Amino acid sequence: MESELRHHFSTLSSPTAKMLTWLPTLSLFSLSNDGQGPATAEAHAVPGSLRDAHNATCAWFLGPKAENAEHFQMLVQTILEDFTQCRRNFAPEDKVSWLLSPSYDKLIRSVMQDFIDAKIASSTPFMTSMSKLKTNVTFLSGLLPQHSVPFYSPRYMAHMVNDVSMPATLGYLMGLMYNPNNISPEAGPLTHIIEYDVGQQLCSMLGYNAQLGTQPAREGPTAWGHITCDGSVANMESMW
């Protein structure tokens, strides 16, 4: 099997083969010397081994028992704090409505007076609406754990769906908070670049001619790609 795998690597383009070099050798799946069970991790704990790959991957998921909850909560808190500070730092000369000075333009003042100030936050409609939001969020957050499929657990293998990685969840949360639109660089200055870079990385992984970072482009057409809304659209575009 190992010789067949090496032959398969030799037939791949160099970028693809380079991306696959982290794969462990099949000997790590071999039985122990007595043939009565799998080999111990200590016997194969070498750099680039399956154990190293497993340990690295464990940092990407919350874990079936939420073992990485502390790390996950810290990263979510970082995202929320940066997002909150971003809004507070934008146009710092703007003040809440009760601190408006007469020198502000009348139109700006009329718009800013609709912002959330202490008077609005203490009003009955505001408190009623906020109470409904808290009640519904608390209800749904308590209901989902009782009526969701445990895709995250190795005890459940009835569907092809797997756990969601922490990088995917955190990245989705960041994008959701800032709501960029990658239709143009003006609507998504940073994410527009990230989308292009991810497309180039995927093209390079599959062996296509890609332009990565500051590397000079190779001769010939350069591949491209973009993020689709779902798998069905991706399949249709692949045929186009």
Protein backbone atom coordinates (compact mmCIF):
# COMPACT_ATOMS: atom_id res chain seq x y z
CA MET A 1 0.00 0.00 0.00
CA GLU A 2 2.77 2.44 0.85
CA SER A 3 4.47 1.83 -2.51
CA GLU A 4 1.17 2.49 -4.28
CA LEU A 5 0.75 5.72 -2.33
CA ARG A 6 4.26 6.85 -3.27
CA HIS A 7 3.51 6.07 -6.92
CA HIS A 8 0.31 8.12 -6.67
CA PHE A 9 2.29 11.06 -5.28
CA SER A 10 4.77 10.80 -8.16
CA THR A 11 1.96 11.19 -10.71
CA LEU A 12 0.61 14.38 -9.13
CA SER A 13 1.71 17.86 -10.03
CA SER A 14 4.30 19.31 -7.67
CA PRO A 15 1.95 21.81 -5.93
CA THR A 16 -0.59 19.08 -5.20
CA ALA A 17 2.05 16.63 -4.02
CA LYS A 18 3.52 19.32 -1.76
CA MET A 19 0.14 19.91 -0.15
CA LEU A 20 -0.24 16.19 0.57
CA THR A 21 3.18 15.60 2.12
CA TRP A 22 1.76 16.04 5.63
CA LEU A 23 -0.21 12.80 5.28
CA PRO A 24 1.12 10.09 7.63
CA THR A 25 2.61 6.87 6.37
CA LEU A 26 0.31 3.85 6.34
CA SER A 27 2.65 1.97 8.66
CA LEU A 28 1.20 4.02 11.52
CA PHE A 29 -2.00 2.01 11.13
CA SER A 30 -0.14 -1.26 11.63
CA LEU A 31 -0.73 -3.62 14.54
CA SER A 32 1.53 -3.83 17.54
CA ASN A 33 4.39 -6.32 17.62
CA ASP A 34 2.23 -8.98 19.24
CA GLY A 35 -0.47 -8.55 16.59
CA GLN A 36 -3.16 -8.21 19.26
CA GLY A 37 -4.02 -4.57 18.81
CA PRO A 38 -3.05 -1.26 17.27
CA ALA A 39 0.44 0.03 17.79
CA THR A 40 0.81 2.49 20.64
CA ALA A 41 1.15 6.19 19.96
CA GLU A 42 4.51 6.28 21.73
CA ALA A 43 5.93 3.75 19.28
CA HIS A 44 5.29 6.10 16.37
CA ALA A 45 5.54 9.53 18.00
CA VAL A 46 7.83 11.03 15.39
CA PRO A 47 7.58 14.43 13.70
CA GLY A 48 5.01 14.32 10.93
CA SER A 49 3.36 11.21 12.33
CA LEU A 50 -0.35 10.45 12.53
CA ARG A 51 -0.22 11.34 16.22
CA ASP A 52 1.14 14.80 15.39
CA ALA A 53 -1.56 15.26 12.75
CA HIS A 54 -4.23 14.17 15.23
CA ASN A 55 -2.94 16.51 17.95
CA ALA A 56 -2.85 19.45 15.55
CA THR A 57 -6.38 18.73 14.32
CA CYS A 58 -7.66 18.62 17.90
CA ALA A 59 -7.00 22.38 18.09
CA TRP A 60 -9.48 22.99 15.26
CA PHE A 61 -12.61 21.61 16.92
CA LEU A 62 -14.61 22.37 20.05
CA GLY A 63 -14.51 18.66 20.87
CA PRO A 64 -17.29 16.10 21.53
CA LYS A 65 -17.30 17.13 25.20
CA ALA A 66 -16.49 20.80 24.50
CA GLU A 67 -12.91 20.21 25.64
CA ASN A 68 -11.76 23.40 23.88
CA ALA A 69 -14.56 25.55 25.33
CA GLU A 70 -12.13 27.88 27.11
CA HIS A 71 -10.23 28.61 23.90
CA PHE A 72 -13.45 28.99 21.91
CA GLN A 73 -15.02 31.40 24.40
CA MET A 74 -11.86 33.49 24.49
CA LEU A 75 -11.77 33.76 20.69
CA VAL A 76 -15.48 34.66 20.49
CA GLN A 77 -14.93 37.31 23.17
CA THR A 78 -12.02 38.72 21.16
CA ILE A 79 -14.20 38.99 18.05
CA LEU A 80 -17.01 40.71 19.95
CA GLU A 81 -14.67 43.14 21.69
CA ASP A 82 -12.96 44.13 18.44
CA PHE A 83 -16.33 44.51 16.72
CA THR A 84 -17.68 46.69 19.53
CA GLN A 85 -14.55 48.83 19.57
CA CYS A 86 -14.73 49.21 15.80
CA ARG A 87 -18.13 50.86 16.04
CA ARG A 88 -17.05 53.11 18.88
CA ASN A 89 -13.91 54.22 17.06
CA PHE A 90 -15.73 55.10 13.83
CA ALA A 91 -16.23 58.87 13.58
CA PRO A 92 -15.23 59.47 17.22
CA GLU A 93 -16.42 63.07 16.95
CA ASP A 94 -19.99 61.75 16.93
CA LYS A 95 -21.59 61.87 20.34
CA VAL A 96 -24.75 60.40 21.71
CA SER A 97 -27.78 62.58 21.22
CA TRP A 98 -27.91 64.05 24.72
CA LEU A 99 -24.39 65.47 24.22
CA LEU A 100 -25.01 67.05 20.81
CA SER A 101 -23.70 70.55 20.42
CA PRO A 102 -25.66 73.20 18.50
CA SER A 103 -22.84 73.43 15.97
CA TYR A 104 -23.81 70.12 14.38
CA ASP A 105 -25.70 70.22 11.14
CA LYS A 106 -29.46 70.03 11.72
CA LEU A 107 -29.85 66.94 9.56
CA ILE A 108 -27.05 65.12 11.37
CA ARG A 109 -28.59 66.04 14.71
CA SER A 110 -32.02 64.75 13.69
CA VAL A 111 -30.53 61.43 12.59
CA MET A 112 -28.35 61.05 15.67
CA GLN A 113 -31.30 61.67 17.95
CA ASP A 114 -32.68 58.30 16.87
CA PHE A 115 -29.63 56.52 18.21
CA ILE A 116 -29.81 54.52 21.42
CA ASP A 117 -29.46 56.89 24.33
CA ALA A 118 -30.34 56.58 28.01
CA LYS A 119 -33.85 57.92 27.44
CA ILE A 120 -34.62 55.38 24.72
CA ALA A 121 -33.05 52.52 26.68
CA SER A 122 -35.28 53.30 29.67
CA SER A 123 -38.50 53.56 27.65
CA THR A 124 -41.22 50.94 27.96
CA PRO A 125 -41.22 49.93 24.24
CA PHE A 126 -37.44 49.43 24.32
CA MET A 127 -37.50 47.33 27.48
CA THR A 128 -40.44 45.28 26.20
CA SER A 129 -38.69 44.57 22.90
CA MET A 130 -35.42 43.69 24.64
CA SER A 131 -37.27 41.39 27.02
CA LYS A 132 -38.85 39.54 24.07
CA LEU A 133 -35.42 39.17 22.45
CA LYS A 134 -33.88 37.74 25.62
CA THR A 135 -36.82 35.38 26.16
CA ASN A 136 -36.73 34.02 22.61
CA VAL A 137 -32.95 33.62 22.54
CA THR A 138 -32.97 31.85 25.90
CA PHE A 139 -35.84 29.59 24.81
CA LEU A 140 -34.26 28.63 21.49
CA SER A 141 -30.80 28.19 23.03
CA GLY A 142 -32.29 25.77 25.54
CA LEU A 143 -34.42 23.97 22.95
CA LEU A 144 -31.75 23.29 20.34
CA PRO A 145 -29.57 21.10 22.59
CA GLN A 146 -32.59 18.88 23.27
CA HIS A 147 -33.68 18.52 19.64
CA SER A 148 -30.48 18.55 17.57
CA VAL A 149 -28.52 15.69 16.04
CA PRO A 150 -25.14 15.14 17.78
CA PHE A 151 -23.06 15.35 14.61
CA TYR A 152 -20.12 16.38 16.80
CA SER A 153 -19.93 13.06 18.64
CA PRO A 154 -18.01 9.98 17.43
CA ARG A 155 -20.93 7.97 18.85
CA TYR A 156 -23.14 9.26 16.03
CA MET A 157 -22.23 8.22 12.48
CA ALA A 158 -25.64 7.90 10.77
CA HIS A 159 -25.22 10.84 8.41
CA MET A 160 -22.47 12.28 6.23
CA VAL A 161 -22.55 15.56 8.19
CA ASN A 162 -19.61 16.21 10.50
CA ASP A 163 -18.77 18.68 13.24
CA VAL A 164 -18.08 22.30 12.32
CA SER A 165 -14.51 23.39 12.91
CA MET A 166 -13.68 26.32 15.15
CA PRO A 167 -11.88 28.22 12.36
CA ALA A 168 -14.99 27.91 10.19
CA THR A 169 -17.32 28.97 12.99
CA LEU A 170 -15.17 31.90 14.09
CA GLY A 171 -14.56 33.03 10.52
CA TYR A 172 -18.29 32.87 9.78
CA LEU A 173 -19.03 34.85 12.94
CA MET A 174 -16.54 37.57 11.99
CA GLY A 175 -17.94 37.86 8.49
CA LEU A 176 -21.51 37.92 9.80
CA MET A 177 -20.74 40.72 12.24
CA TYR A 178 -19.19 43.07 9.68
CA ASN A 179 -21.50 41.98 6.84
CA PRO A 180 -19.11 42.65 3.92
CA ASN A 181 -20.22 42.16 0.31
CA ASN A 182 -17.56 40.63 -1.93
CA ILE A 183 -19.32 41.82 -5.07
CA SER A 184 -16.71 44.58 -5.20
CA PRO A 185 -13.63 45.77 -3.27
CA GLU A 186 -15.59 48.86 -2.20
CA ALA A 187 -18.17 46.74 -0.34
CA GLY A 188 -15.71 44.22 1.08
CA PRO A 189 -12.18 45.66 1.04
CA LEU A 190 -10.51 42.92 3.09
CA THR A 191 -12.77 39.94 2.46
CA HIS A 192 -12.62 40.59 -1.28
CA ILE A 193 -8.87 39.98 -1.13
CA ILE A 194 -9.28 36.98 1.18
CA GLU A 195 -11.75 35.39 -1.23
CA TYR A 196 -9.33 35.77 -4.13
CA ASP A 197 -6.46 34.39 -2.07
CA VAL A 198 -8.50 31.37 -0.93
CA GLY A 199 -9.47 30.68 -4.53
CA GLN A 200 -5.83 30.76 -5.57
CA GLN A 201 -4.87 28.43 -2.71
CA LEU A 202 -7.51 25.90 -3.78
CA CYS A 203 -6.38 26.12 -7.40
CA SER A 204 -2.78 25.57 -6.36
CA MET A 205 -3.77 22.61 -4.15
CA LEU A 206 -5.42 20.97 -7.17
CA GLY A 207 -2.38 21.56 -9.37
CA TYR A 208 -3.58 24.49 -11.42
CA ASN A 209 -1.46 27.50 -12.33
CA ALA A 210 -2.14 30.00 -9.53
CA GLN A 211 -0.90 33.37 -8.33
CA LEU A 212 -0.11 33.11 -4.61
CA GLY A 213 0.80 36.22 -2.63
CA THR A 214 3.79 38.05 -4.03
CA GLN A 215 5.06 35.04 -5.98
CA PRO A 216 5.55 35.79 -9.68
CA ALA A 217 2.94 34.22 -11.91
CA ARG A 218 4.01 31.27 -14.00
CA GLU A 219 3.64 31.29 -17.75
CA GLY A 220 0.25 30.40 -19.14
CA PRO A 221 -3.32 31.10 -18.01
CA THR A 222 -3.86 31.61 -14.29
CA ALA A 223 -6.71 29.77 -12.60
CA TRP A 224 -9.29 31.54 -10.48
CA GLY A 225 -12.10 30.72 -8.11
CA HIS A 226 -14.60 32.29 -5.77
CA ILE A 227 -16.77 31.36 -2.81
CA THR A 228 -20.25 30.14 -3.70
CA CYS A 229 -23.39 30.22 -1.56
CA ASP A 230 -23.63 26.42 -1.38
CA GLY A 231 -22.48 23.09 -2.78
CA SER A 232 -25.16 22.90 -5.48
CA VAL A 233 -24.09 26.20 -7.01
CA ALA A 234 -20.45 25.08 -6.81
CA ASN A 235 -21.30 21.87 -8.71
CA MET A 236 -23.16 23.78 -11.42
CA GLU A 237 -20.34 26.29 -11.80
CA SER A 238 -17.79 23.49 -12.08
CA MET A 239 -19.63 22.27 -15.20
CA TRP A 240 -19.72 25.80 -16.59
